[in-house]
Amino acid sequence: MLEGLMIGLSTAFSVTNVLMVIGGCLIGTFVGMLPGLGPMSIIAIMIPVAITIGDPSAALILLAGVYYGAIFGGSTSSILINAPGVAGTVASSFDGYPMARAGKAGKALTIAAIASFAGGTVGVVLLMIFAPMLSSVALLFHSAEYFALMVVGLSAIAAFAGTGNVAKAVLMTLLGLIMATVGEGALYNLPRFTMGLMDLQSGFSFITLAMAMFALPEAMYLVLNPARSETGGEGGKQGEIKDLRISRAEARSIAPVIGRQSIQGFFIGVLPGAGATIASFLGYAVERNIATHEEQQEFGKGSIKGLAAPETANNAACTGSFVPLLTLGIPGSGTTAILLGALIALNVTPGPRLMVDDPQIFWAVIVSMYIGNLVLLVLNLPLIPYIAKILAVPRTFLIPFILFFTLMGAYIGQNNATELLILVGLGLIATILRFADYPLAPLLIGFILGSMLEDNFSRAMQLYNGLGFILERPMTLGLLVLAALLVVVPSYRARRARLRAEGVADD
């Protein structure tokens, strides 16, 4: 490992590769800030550029920089205008946007930057130490285990239910699962629930759905609620926008969150098919479930823990996703699938032999990730006061700004005008649901996990001729037990707190 690390250091610190890291991080950060584009689109566009470079190490360093730069920068639009830049930063808007509305946009962006840096850095260290070992662990996960892992993800709805909204959260999750069945299934290439529309053949786009659930309802709220100030809410106060400081108490509060989610996010990212989006939702859910009753009341209203958890988890998972890509040649997400195609185009064969045959590529990518995290921190922290001033834009300009980037992101993502009609229709429905106090996050969780849940459950049923796989595979049973605990324990704690409060009131 030390020998490989020295090779990686000498390769990554060449002038060309350092410029590739900086360039990739810059491109990724600004692309991540634009709602709807995301790393997949820009990496696909840049593959010809990478092939032109010729050097596989430099090309992969550039593309990797774009990838984690987009995840790092995607939180900006989530926090400031409630329009997630990439799928992995949706959970960051749950508490980041309320913080911005409360005049703490600078602090929210600072917490996001520090948590992203910490998650990415810890992920790089774990990747360096455990990559060969974790590649064999990832192979232990079969369809049965992935089905159970998706069930664990669905158990996160308890974290988004709020007080007395469990039934509504379950209904929204079921709606998300139903929407995930639209289009062709992975096992059978037959259209389902498309109502004869060819544009629904591939199902709903996640980016379109995320925009419809968060960005459009927010624009509607800005129009329908004249009580908000002309500067975009309380966040328009210039003095507070410049406040980037985190107090010692706040630092002590989020430190254990960052530590836990760096490790959890990395290991979720290692599993092929999990990715940064699932890691961020699970990170948020876990931290809310283990928080005290008083802290739980702050989640969804501007909790610093609720912001630090998904930001740490998604960046750690982004790094972890390189384990199956580099050591097994298995893409863990759509973005890493495009990276795999770029590797093959560059005549590099990822897999167990990569560390032996091309150590300069393997270790240079790992070292460049650490350099990239430093570059991203240095780039983002000084820009925060200026980025946060977007909240000072008058409402008459802010609403068209949100609508423009929302519509543009949905159209570019699918290159289909029908997507705009779907976006507007779902956005109107989401606005009505929001007025009716239905939580929208469970719908997204159900949609994200729905197709993977169905595919893996079907495969497991075929392999084991029924539900016997639950008892035959101990890891599957263990994950299902964990999912049950994630649902039961928070409900039990909430009931105890309610009974205790009633007892105090009676006294």
Protein backbone atom coordinates (compact mmCIF):
# COMPACT_ATOMS: atom_id res chain seq x y z
CA MET A 1 0.00 0.00 0.00
CA LEU A 2 2.80 2.44 0.90
CA GLU A 3 4.62 1.70 -2.34
CA GLY A 4 1.43 2.30 -4.31
CA LEU A 5 0.74 5.47 -2.36
CA MET A 6 4.18 6.86 -3.27
CA ILE A 7 3.50 6.08 -6.94
CA GLY A 8 0.14 7.84 -6.64
CA LEU A 9 1.70 10.90 -4.98
CA SER A 10 4.31 11.29 -7.72
CA THR A 11 1.62 10.93 -10.42
CA ALA A 12 -1.07 13.08 -8.85
CA PHE A 13 1.27 15.96 -7.97
CA SER A 14 2.50 16.46 -11.51
CA VAL A 15 1.61 19.90 -12.87
CA THR A 16 -0.76 18.46 -15.47
CA ASN A 17 -2.71 16.33 -13.01
CA VAL A 18 -2.98 19.10 -10.39
CA LEU A 19 -4.47 21.34 -13.11
CA MET A 20 -6.85 18.49 -14.02
CA VAL A 21 -8.01 18.26 -10.39
CA ILE A 22 -8.58 22.01 -10.15
CA GLY A 23 -10.33 22.16 -13.53
CA GLY A 24 -12.55 19.17 -12.75
CA CYS A 25 -13.52 20.56 -9.34
CA LEU A 26 -14.34 23.98 -10.81
CA ILE A 27 -16.49 22.53 -13.58
CA GLY A 28 -18.21 20.09 -11.22
CA THR A 29 -18.95 22.74 -8.58
CA PHE A 30 -20.64 25.14 -11.00
CA VAL A 31 -22.52 22.35 -12.80
CA GLY A 32 -23.69 21.00 -9.44
CA MET A 33 -25.10 24.40 -8.53
CA LEU A 34 -27.37 24.41 -11.60
CA PRO A 35 -30.60 22.52 -10.86
CA GLY A 36 -31.18 19.47 -13.00
CA LEU A 37 -27.84 19.09 -14.77
CA GLY A 38 -25.84 16.92 -12.39
CA PRO A 39 -22.57 15.03 -12.90
CA MET A 40 -23.97 12.44 -15.32
CA SER A 41 -24.69 14.97 -18.06
CA ILE A 42 -21.40 16.85 -17.83
CA ILE A 43 -19.26 13.68 -17.54
CA ALA A 44 -20.95 12.24 -20.62
CA ILE A 45 -20.20 15.49 -22.48
CA MET A 46 -16.57 15.48 -21.32
CA ILE A 47 -15.72 11.88 -22.29
CA PRO A 48 -14.45 13.00 -25.75
CA VAL A 49 -12.27 15.60 -23.96
CA ALA A 50 -10.90 12.88 -21.66
CA ILE A 51 -10.09 10.62 -24.62
CA THR A 52 -8.33 13.52 -26.36
CA ILE A 53 -6.10 13.97 -23.28
CA GLY A 54 -4.75 10.48 -23.90
CA ASP A 55 -3.18 9.91 -20.47
CA PRO A 56 -5.61 7.62 -18.57
CA SER A 57 -4.47 8.93 -15.17
CA ALA A 58 -5.04 12.58 -16.10
CA ALA A 59 -8.33 11.82 -17.85
CA LEU A 60 -9.78 9.86 -14.92
CA ILE A 61 -8.56 12.48 -12.43
CA LEU A 62 -10.41 15.15 -14.45
CA LEU A 63 -13.65 13.14 -14.62
CA ALA A 64 -13.46 12.14 -10.95
CA GLY A 65 -12.95 15.80 -10.02
CA VAL A 66 -16.10 16.72 -11.95
CA TYR A 67 -18.01 13.95 -10.14
CA TYR A 68 -17.26 14.84 -6.54
CA GLY A 69 -17.15 18.55 -7.39
CA ALA A 70 -20.78 18.31 -8.56
CA ILE A 71 -21.81 16.50 -5.37
CA PHE A 72 -19.93 19.12 -3.31
CA GLY A 73 -21.49 22.08 -5.16
CA GLY A 74 -24.96 20.58 -5.56
CA SER A 75 -25.92 21.62 -2.05
CA THR A 76 -25.82 25.33 -2.95
CA SER A 77 -29.07 25.44 -4.91
CA SER A 78 -30.69 23.05 -2.42
CA ILE A 79 -29.90 25.38 0.46
CA LEU A 80 -30.55 28.73 -1.21
CA ILE A 81 -33.58 28.18 -3.45
CA ASN A 82 -34.82 24.69 -2.48
CA ALA A 83 -33.97 23.38 -5.98
CA PRO A 84 -31.60 20.39 -5.59
CA GLY A 85 -28.69 20.60 -8.01
CA VAL A 86 -28.13 16.83 -7.99
CA ALA A 87 -30.12 13.91 -6.63
CA GLY A 88 -27.64 13.34 -3.79
CA THR A 89 -28.33 16.78 -2.30
CA VAL A 90 -32.12 16.54 -2.02
CA ALA A 91 -31.90 15.71 1.69
CA SER A 92 -29.68 18.76 2.24
CA SER A 93 -32.63 21.02 1.44
CA PHE A 94 -34.74 19.65 4.32
CA ASP A 95 -32.84 21.72 6.89
CA GLY A 96 -30.51 23.80 4.73
CA TYR A 97 -33.31 25.78 3.11
CA PRO A 98 -35.08 26.58 6.43
CA MET A 99 -31.71 27.83 7.73
CA ALA A 100 -31.37 30.11 4.71
CA ARG A 101 -34.94 31.37 5.22
CA ALA A 102 -34.07 32.17 8.83
CA GLY A 103 -31.17 34.41 7.78
CA LYS A 104 -28.45 31.77 8.24
CA ALA A 105 -27.58 31.13 4.60
CA GLY A 106 -23.87 31.78 5.17
CA LYS A 107 -23.73 29.46 8.15
CA ALA A 108 -25.66 26.76 6.26
CA LEU A 109 -23.25 26.91 3.32
CA THR A 110 -20.27 26.83 5.68
CA ILE A 111 -21.60 23.74 7.47
CA ALA A 112 -22.26 22.10 4.10
CA ALA A 113 -18.72 22.87 2.90
CA ILE A 114 -17.05 21.59 6.08
CA ALA A 115 -19.22 18.46 6.27
CA SER A 116 -18.60 17.72 2.58
CA PHE A 117 -14.85 18.14 3.04
CA ALA A 118 -14.80 15.92 6.14
CA GLY A 119 -16.93 13.20 4.52
CA GLY A 120 -14.82 13.19 1.37
CA THR A 121 -11.54 13.18 3.29
CA VAL A 122 -12.52 10.32 5.61
CA GLY A 123 -13.83 8.46 2.57
CA VAL A 124 -10.46 8.83 0.82
CA VAL A 125 -8.59 7.48 3.86
CA LEU A 126 -10.95 4.50 4.14
CA LEU A 127 -10.70 3.90 0.40
CA MET A 128 -6.91 3.88 0.60
CA ILE A 129 -6.83 1.43 3.50
CA PHE A 130 -9.74 -0.89 2.84
CA ALA A 131 -10.34 -0.88 -0.94
CA PRO A 132 -9.05 -4.43 -1.63
CA MET A 133 -10.84 -5.87 1.40
CA LEU A 134 -14.13 -4.08 0.72
CA SER A 135 -14.25 -5.30 -2.86
CA SER A 136 -14.71 -8.85 -1.54
CA VAL A 137 -17.35 -7.67 0.95
CA ALA A 138 -19.32 -6.02 -1.85
CA LEU A 139 -19.44 -9.38 -3.65
CA LEU A 140 -21.29 -10.90 -0.66
CA PHE A 141 -24.33 -8.75 -1.46
CA HIS A 142 -26.72 -10.54 -3.80
CA SER A 143 -30.27 -9.71 -4.85
CA ALA A 144 -31.69 -10.81 -1.48
CA GLU A 145 -29.38 -8.48 0.45
CA TYR A 146 -30.07 -5.56 -1.87
CA PHE A 147 -33.81 -6.10 -1.43
CA ALA A 148 -33.34 -5.98 2.35
CA LEU A 149 -31.15 -2.89 2.04
CA MET A 150 -33.92 -1.14 0.10
CA VAL A 151 -36.37 -2.07 2.87
CA VAL A 152 -33.97 -0.45 5.37
CA GLY A 153 -34.06 2.65 3.18
CA LEU A 154 -37.86 2.66 3.19
CA SER A 155 -37.84 2.48 6.97
CA ALA A 156 -36.35 5.98 6.87
CA ILE A 157 -39.85 7.40 6.35
CA ALA A 158 -40.18 7.57 10.14
CA ALA A 159 -37.57 10.36 10.06
CA PHE A 160 -39.63 12.47 7.66
CA ALA A 161 -43.06 11.84 9.15
CA GLY A 162 -43.02 14.57 11.78
CA THR A 163 -45.31 14.64 14.76
CA GLY A 164 -48.60 12.89 14.03
CA ASN A 165 -47.89 12.55 10.30
CA VAL A 166 -46.87 8.89 10.12
CA ALA A 167 -49.99 7.88 8.16
CA LYS A 168 -49.42 10.70 5.67
CA ALA A 169 -45.76 9.71 5.30
CA VAL A 170 -46.74 6.10 4.59
CA LEU A 171 -49.28 7.23 1.98
CA MET A 172 -46.67 9.40 0.27
CA THR A 173 -44.17 6.53 0.29
CA LEU A 174 -46.74 4.24 -1.33
CA LEU A 175 -47.38 6.93 -3.97
CA GLY A 176 -43.65 7.06 -4.67
CA LEU A 177 -43.49 3.27 -5.01
CA ILE A 178 -46.44 3.35 -7.42
CA MET A 179 -44.79 6.06 -9.53
CA ALA A 180 -41.61 3.96 -9.70
CA THR A 181 -43.54 1.20 -11.52
CA VAL A 182 -44.36 3.45 -14.48
CA GLY A 183 -42.41 2.47 -17.61
CA GLU A 184 -40.53 -0.67 -18.56
CA GLY A 185 -39.43 -3.01 -15.77
CA ALA A 186 -35.87 -4.33 -15.61
CA LEU A 187 -36.94 -8.00 -15.86
CA TYR A 188 -39.58 -7.69 -18.57
CA ASN A 189 -39.34 -5.12 -21.35
CA LEU A 190 -43.03 -4.37 -21.32
CA PRO A 191 -44.52 -0.89 -20.74
CA ARG A 192 -46.61 -0.53 -17.59
CA PHE A 193 -49.02 2.24 -16.59
CA THR A 194 -47.87 4.49 -19.44
CA MET A 195 -51.44 5.19 -20.64
CA GLY A 196 -50.21 4.70 -24.20
CA LEU A 197 -47.73 7.62 -23.97
CA MET A 198 -44.35 6.85 -25.53
CA ASP A 199 -42.75 9.59 -23.42
CA LEU A 200 -43.50 7.57 -20.28
CA GLN A 201 -41.86 4.43 -21.71
CA SER A 202 -38.76 4.99 -19.58
CA GLY A 203 -40.76 6.16 -16.55
CA PHE A 204 -40.58 9.42 -14.64
CA SER A 205 -37.23 11.22 -14.37
CA PHE A 206 -35.95 11.58 -10.81
CA ILE A 207 -34.64 15.09 -11.49
CA THR A 208 -38.04 16.15 -12.85
CA LEU A 209 -39.77 14.66 -9.83
CA ALA A 210 -37.33 16.31 -7.39
CA MET A 211 -37.86 19.70 -9.03
CA ALA A 212 -41.63 19.21 -8.98
CA MET A 213 -41.61 18.27 -5.29
CA PHE A 214 -39.40 21.11 -4.04
CA ALA A 215 -38.54 23.91 -6.48
CA LEU A 216 -41.94 24.55 -8.09
CA PRO A 217 -43.92 24.48 -4.81
CA GLU A 218 -41.42 26.94 -3.37
CA ALA A 219 -41.94 29.31 -6.30
CA MET A 220 -45.71 28.94 -5.81
CA TYR A 221 -45.31 29.74 -2.12
CA LEU A 222 -43.37 32.89 -2.95
CA VAL A 223 -46.26 33.98 -5.18
CA LEU A 224 -49.13 32.93 -2.92
CA ASN A 225 -47.65 34.16 0.36
CA PRO A 226 -47.25 37.95 0.14
CA ALA A 227 -46.24 38.05 3.81
CA ARG A 228 -42.71 37.14 2.82
CA SER A 229 -40.39 40.07 2.36
CA GLU A 230 -39.29 41.32 -1.02
CA THR A 231 -35.78 40.02 -0.32
CA GLY A 232 -36.71 36.36 -0.26
CA GLY A 233 -37.61 35.99 3.39
CA GLU A 234 -35.59 36.65 6.48
CA GLY A 235 -32.51 35.45 4.63
CA GLY A 236 -32.40 38.77 2.84
CA LYS A 237 -30.79 40.49 5.83
CA GLN A 238 -27.35 41.42 4.56
CA GLY A 239 -25.66 41.39 7.94
CA GLU A 240 -26.67 37.83 8.65
CA ILE A 241 -25.78 36.57 5.18
CA LYS A 242 -22.14 37.38 5.86
CA ASP A 243 -22.08 35.46 9.13
CA LEU A 244 -20.11 32.31 8.31
CA ARG A 245 -19.00 31.52 11.84
CA ILE A 246 -19.86 28.32 13.63
CA SER A 247 -19.79 28.52 17.42
CA ARG A 248 -17.88 26.01 19.53
CA ALA A 249 -21.13 24.54 20.77
CA GLU A 250 -22.33 24.03 17.20
CA ALA A 251 -19.01 22.49 16.21
CA ARG A 252 -19.19 20.06 19.13
CA SER A 253 -22.78 19.25 18.16
CA ILE A 254 -22.06 18.31 14.53
CA ALA A 255 -18.64 16.66 15.09
CA PRO A 256 -20.05 13.23 16.09
CA VAL A 257 -22.61 13.48 13.26
CA ILE A 258 -19.83 14.05 10.73
CA GLY A 259 -17.80 11.18 12.20
CA ARG A 260 -20.68 8.70 12.06
CA GLN A 261 -21.91 9.68 8.62
CA SER A 262 -18.43 9.70 7.09
CA ILE A 263 -18.13 6.01 7.92
CA GLN A 264 -21.74 5.04 7.23
CA GLY A 265 -21.86 6.99 3.95
CA PHE A 266 -18.63 5.43 2.73
CA PHE A 267 -19.80 1.87 3.35
CA ILE A 268 -23.15 2.55 1.67
CA GLY A 269 -21.27 3.97 -1.32
CA VAL A 270 -19.19 0.79 -1.53
CA LEU A 271 -22.31 -1.26 -2.28
CA PRO A 272 -23.02 -1.31 -6.04
CA GLY A 273 -26.36 0.35 -6.73
CA ALA A 274 -26.64 2.26 -3.45
CA GLY A 275 -24.94 5.59 -4.18
CA ALA A 276 -24.89 9.08 -2.70
CA THR A 277 -28.66 9.64 -2.83
CA ILE A 278 -29.54 6.65 -0.65
CA ALA A 279 -26.58 7.42 1.65
CA SER A 280 -27.83 10.98 2.21
CA PHE A 281 -31.42 9.90 2.99
CA LEU A 282 -30.26 7.15 5.36
CA GLY A 283 -27.78 9.51 7.01
CA TYR A 284 -30.52 12.04 7.67
CA ALA A 285 -32.89 9.34 8.95
CA VAL A 286 -30.34 7.77 11.29
CA GLU A 287 -29.32 11.07 12.86
CA ARG A 288 -32.93 12.10 13.42
CA ASN A 289 -33.80 8.76 14.97
CA ILE A 290 -30.90 8.81 17.45
CA ALA A 291 -31.35 12.49 18.35
CA THR A 292 -32.98 13.52 21.62
CA HIS A 293 -36.68 14.37 21.59
CA GLU A 294 -35.91 18.11 21.74
CA GLU A 295 -33.42 17.86 18.84
CA GLN A 296 -35.92 15.88 16.77
CA GLN A 297 -38.32 18.82 16.89
CA GLU A 298 -35.69 20.94 15.10
CA PHE A 299 -35.27 18.55 12.17
CA GLY A 300 -36.96 19.99 9.10
CA LYS A 301 -36.90 23.48 10.63
CA GLY A 302 -33.22 24.35 10.34
CA SER A 303 -31.29 21.75 12.35
CA ILE A 304 -27.53 21.94 11.85
CA LYS A 305 -27.34 18.18 12.44
CA GLY A 306 -30.01 17.66 9.79
CA LEU A 307 -27.82 19.54 7.31
CA ALA A 308 -24.44 18.08 8.30
CA ALA A 309 -25.64 14.45 8.12
CA PRO A 310 -26.66 14.22 4.43
CA GLU A 311 -23.83 16.48 3.28
CA THR A 312 -21.25 14.26 4.98
CA ALA A 313 -22.88 11.02 3.87
CA ASN A 314 -23.27 11.89 0.20
CA ASN A 315 -19.63 12.96 -0.22
CA ALA A 316 -18.33 9.92 1.65
CA ALA A 317 -20.56 7.68 -0.51
CA CYS A 318 -19.28 9.40 -3.64
CA THR A 319 -15.75 8.34 -2.66
CA GLY A 320 -16.89 4.86 -1.62
CA SER A 321 -18.49 4.26 -5.02
CA PHE A 322 -14.99 4.08 -6.52
CA VAL A 323 -14.33 0.82 -4.63
CA PRO A 324 -16.55 -1.42 -6.80
CA LEU A 325 -15.69 0.64 -9.90
CA LEU A 326 -11.91 0.33 -9.62
CA THR A 327 -11.52 -3.03 -7.86
CA LEU A 328 -14.39 -5.00 -9.44
CA GLY A 329 -15.30 -3.09 -12.59
CA ILE A 330 -18.88 -2.79 -11.28
CA PRO A 331 -20.52 0.65 -11.51
CA GLY A 332 -22.35 1.59 -8.34
CA SER A 333 -24.49 4.33 -9.91
CA GLY A 334 -25.35 5.92 -13.23
CA THR A 335 -22.43 8.33 -12.93
CA THR A 336 -19.87 5.60 -12.21
CA ALA A 337 -21.33 3.62 -15.12
CA ILE A 338 -20.36 6.52 -17.39
CA LEU A 339 -16.93 6.60 -15.74
CA LEU A 340 -16.60 2.88 -16.44
CA GLY A 341 -17.31 3.56 -20.11
CA ALA A 342 -14.63 6.27 -20.08
CA LEU A 343 -12.11 3.83 -18.56
CA ILE A 344 -12.82 1.25 -21.23
CA ALA A 345 -12.52 3.91 -23.95
CA LEU A 346 -9.08 4.77 -22.50
CA ASN A 347 -8.04 1.08 -22.72
CA VAL A 348 -8.00 0.67 -18.94
CA THR A 349 -9.57 -2.50 -17.56
CA PRO A 350 -10.89 -1.96 -14.02
CA GLY A 351 -10.92 -4.96 -11.73
CA PRO A 352 -8.79 -6.84 -9.19
CA ARG A 353 -5.70 -6.56 -11.45
CA LEU A 354 -5.85 -2.78 -11.74
CA MET A 355 -3.78 -2.20 -8.59
CA VAL A 356 -1.11 -4.58 -9.93
CA ASP A 357 -1.09 -3.75 -13.64
CA ASP A 358 -1.74 0.02 -13.44
CA PRO A 359 -0.94 1.15 -9.89
CA GLN A 360 -0.22 4.70 -11.07
CA ILE A 361 -3.86 5.04 -12.21
CA PHE A 362 -5.44 3.48 -9.12
CA TRP A 363 -3.38 5.36 -6.55
CA ALA A 364 -3.25 8.63 -8.50
CA VAL A 365 -7.07 8.77 -8.50
CA ILE A 366 -7.18 8.18 -4.74
CA VAL A 367 -4.55 10.84 -3.99
CA SER A 368 -6.24 13.28 -6.38
CA MET A 369 -9.48 12.90 -4.41
CA TYR A 370 -7.81 14.27 -1.30
CA ILE A 371 -6.28 17.13 -3.31
CA GLY A 372 -9.71 17.75 -4.82
CA ASN A 373 -11.37 17.99 -1.42
CA LEU A 374 -8.82 20.61 -0.36
CA VAL A 375 -9.34 22.52 -3.62
CA LEU A 376 -13.12 22.44 -3.18
CA LEU A 377 -12.88 23.75 0.39
CA VAL A 378 -10.51 26.55 -0.63
CA LEU A 379 -12.72 27.46 -3.60
CA ASN A 380 -16.04 27.39 -1.78
CA LEU A 381 -15.42 29.03 1.61
CA PRO A 382 -14.30 32.44 0.24
CA LEU A 383 -17.23 32.50 -2.21
CA ILE A 384 -19.93 31.77 0.37
CA PRO A 385 -20.72 35.44 1.26
CA TYR A 386 -21.21 36.21 -2.43
CA ILE A 387 -23.16 33.04 -3.28
CA ALA A 388 -25.45 33.60 -0.29
CA LYS A 389 -26.43 37.03 -1.60
CA ILE A 390 -28.75 35.31 -4.03
CA LEU A 391 -31.27 35.55 -1.19
CA ALA A 392 -31.04 39.33 -1.40
CA VAL A 393 -32.47 39.22 -4.92
CA PRO A 394 -35.95 40.83 -4.95
CA ARG A 395 -38.82 38.38 -5.09
CA THR A 396 -39.91 39.61 -8.52
CA PHE A 397 -36.55 38.42 -9.91
CA LEU A 398 -36.08 35.38 -7.68
CA ILE A 399 -39.29 33.62 -8.78
CA PRO A 400 -38.49 33.73 -12.54
CA PHE A 401 -34.92 32.68 -11.68
CA ILE A 402 -36.18 29.56 -9.86
CA LEU A 403 -38.71 28.76 -12.59
CA PHE A 404 -36.15 29.20 -15.40
CA PHE A 405 -33.54 26.86 -13.89
CA THR A 406 -36.20 24.36 -12.88
CA LEU A 407 -37.67 24.15 -16.39
CA MET A 408 -34.23 24.19 -18.00
CA GLY A 409 -32.97 21.39 -15.75
CA ALA A 410 -35.98 19.19 -16.49
CA TYR A 411 -35.70 19.75 -20.25
CA ILE A 412 -31.92 19.22 -20.48
CA GLY A 413 -32.13 16.10 -18.32
CA GLN A 414 -34.48 14.32 -20.78
CA ASN A 415 -34.23 16.51 -23.90
CA ASN A 416 -37.99 16.16 -24.18
CA ALA A 417 -40.61 18.92 -24.19
CA THR A 418 -43.19 16.56 -22.65
CA GLU A 419 -41.02 16.55 -19.53
CA LEU A 420 -41.99 20.19 -18.97
CA LEU A 421 -45.69 19.29 -18.94
CA ILE A 422 -44.99 16.46 -16.47
CA LEU A 423 -42.97 18.87 -14.32
CA VAL A 424 -45.73 21.48 -14.19
CA GLY A 425 -48.46 18.88 -13.54
CA LEU A 426 -46.53 17.21 -10.72
CA GLY A 427 -45.54 20.62 -9.34
CA LEU A 428 -49.18 21.69 -9.02
CA ILE A 429 -50.04 18.41 -7.28
CA ALA A 430 -47.04 18.82 -4.95
CA THR A 431 -48.14 22.37 -4.07
CA ILE A 432 -51.61 21.12 -3.10
CA LEU A 433 -50.07 18.31 -1.03
CA ARG A 434 -47.80 20.80 0.70
CA PHE A 435 -50.76 23.01 1.62
CA ALA A 436 -52.44 19.87 3.01
CA ASP A 437 -49.36 19.24 5.20
CA TYR A 438 -48.24 16.05 3.45
CA PRO A 439 -44.47 15.40 3.70
CA LEU A 440 -42.97 15.23 0.20
CA ALA A 441 -39.64 13.57 1.07
CA PRO A 442 -41.18 10.08 1.61
CA LEU A 443 -42.53 10.18 -1.95
CA LEU A 444 -39.01 10.70 -3.27
CA ILE A 445 -37.65 7.91 -1.08
CA GLY A 446 -40.31 5.53 -2.36
CA PHE A 447 -39.61 6.53 -5.95
CA ILE A 448 -35.82 6.14 -5.65
CA LEU A 449 -35.99 2.77 -3.94
CA GLY A 450 -39.07 1.43 -5.75
CA SER A 451 -37.48 0.12 -8.94
CA MET A 452 -34.45 -1.35 -7.14
CA LEU A 453 -36.72 -2.94 -4.54
CA GLU A 454 -38.89 -4.54 -7.23
CA ASP A 455 -35.99 -5.78 -9.36
CA ASN A 456 -34.03 -7.35 -6.51
CA PHE A 457 -37.14 -8.86 -4.90
CA SER A 458 -38.12 -10.47 -8.23
CA ARG A 459 -34.65 -11.91 -8.75
CA ALA A 460 -34.48 -13.25 -5.20
CA MET A 461 -37.90 -14.87 -5.58
CA GLN A 462 -36.83 -16.54 -8.82
CA LEU A 463 -33.53 -17.79 -7.39
CA TYR A 464 -35.04 -19.25 -4.21
CA ASN A 465 -38.50 -20.18 -5.52
CA GLY A 466 -40.32 -18.03 -3.01
CA LEU A 467 -39.73 -16.13 0.21
CA GLY A 468 -37.33 -18.73 1.58
CA PHE A 469 -34.39 -16.44 0.85
CA ILE A 470 -35.25 -14.40 3.96
CA LEU A 471 -34.40 -17.31 6.27
CA GLU A 472 -31.70 -18.89 4.10
CA ARG A 473 -29.49 -15.77 4.01
CA PRO A 474 -28.58 -14.48 7.50
CA MET A 475 -27.44 -11.09 6.21
CA THR A 476 -30.85 -10.53 4.60
CA LEU A 477 -32.64 -11.45 7.82
CA GLY A 478 -30.35 -9.15 9.81
CA LEU A 479 -31.05 -6.18 7.52
CA LEU A 480 -34.81 -6.77 7.72
CA VAL A 481 -34.59 -6.85 11.53
CA LEU A 482 -32.66 -3.57 11.41
CA ALA A 483 -35.40 -2.07 9.23
CA ALA A 484 -38.04 -3.13 11.76
CA LEU A 485 -36.03 -1.55 14.59
CA LEU A 486 -35.71 1.71 12.65
CA VAL A 487 -39.50 1.88 12.51
CA VAL A 488 -40.38 0.58 15.99
CA VAL A 489 -37.76 2.34 18.14
CA PRO A 490 -38.59 5.95 17.08
CA SER A 491 -42.32 5.22 17.50
CA TYR A 492 -41.68 3.79 20.97
CA ARG A 493 -39.54 6.78 21.96
CA ALA A 494 -42.17 9.22 20.68
CA ARG A 495 -44.89 7.40 22.62
CA ARG A 496 -42.82 7.48 25.82
CA ALA A 497 -42.15 11.19 25.39
CA ARG A 498 -45.87 11.84 24.84
CA LEU A 499 -46.86 9.84 27.92
CA ARG A 500 -44.22 11.63 29.98
CA ALA A 501 -45.52 15.01 28.78
CA GLU A 502 -49.09 14.01 29.63
CA GLY A 503 -47.96 12.91 33.08
CA VAL A 504 -46.30 16.25 33.71
CA ALA A 505 -49.42 18.07 32.50
CA ASP A 506 -51.63 16.04 34.86
CA ASP A 507 -49.35 16.87 37.81
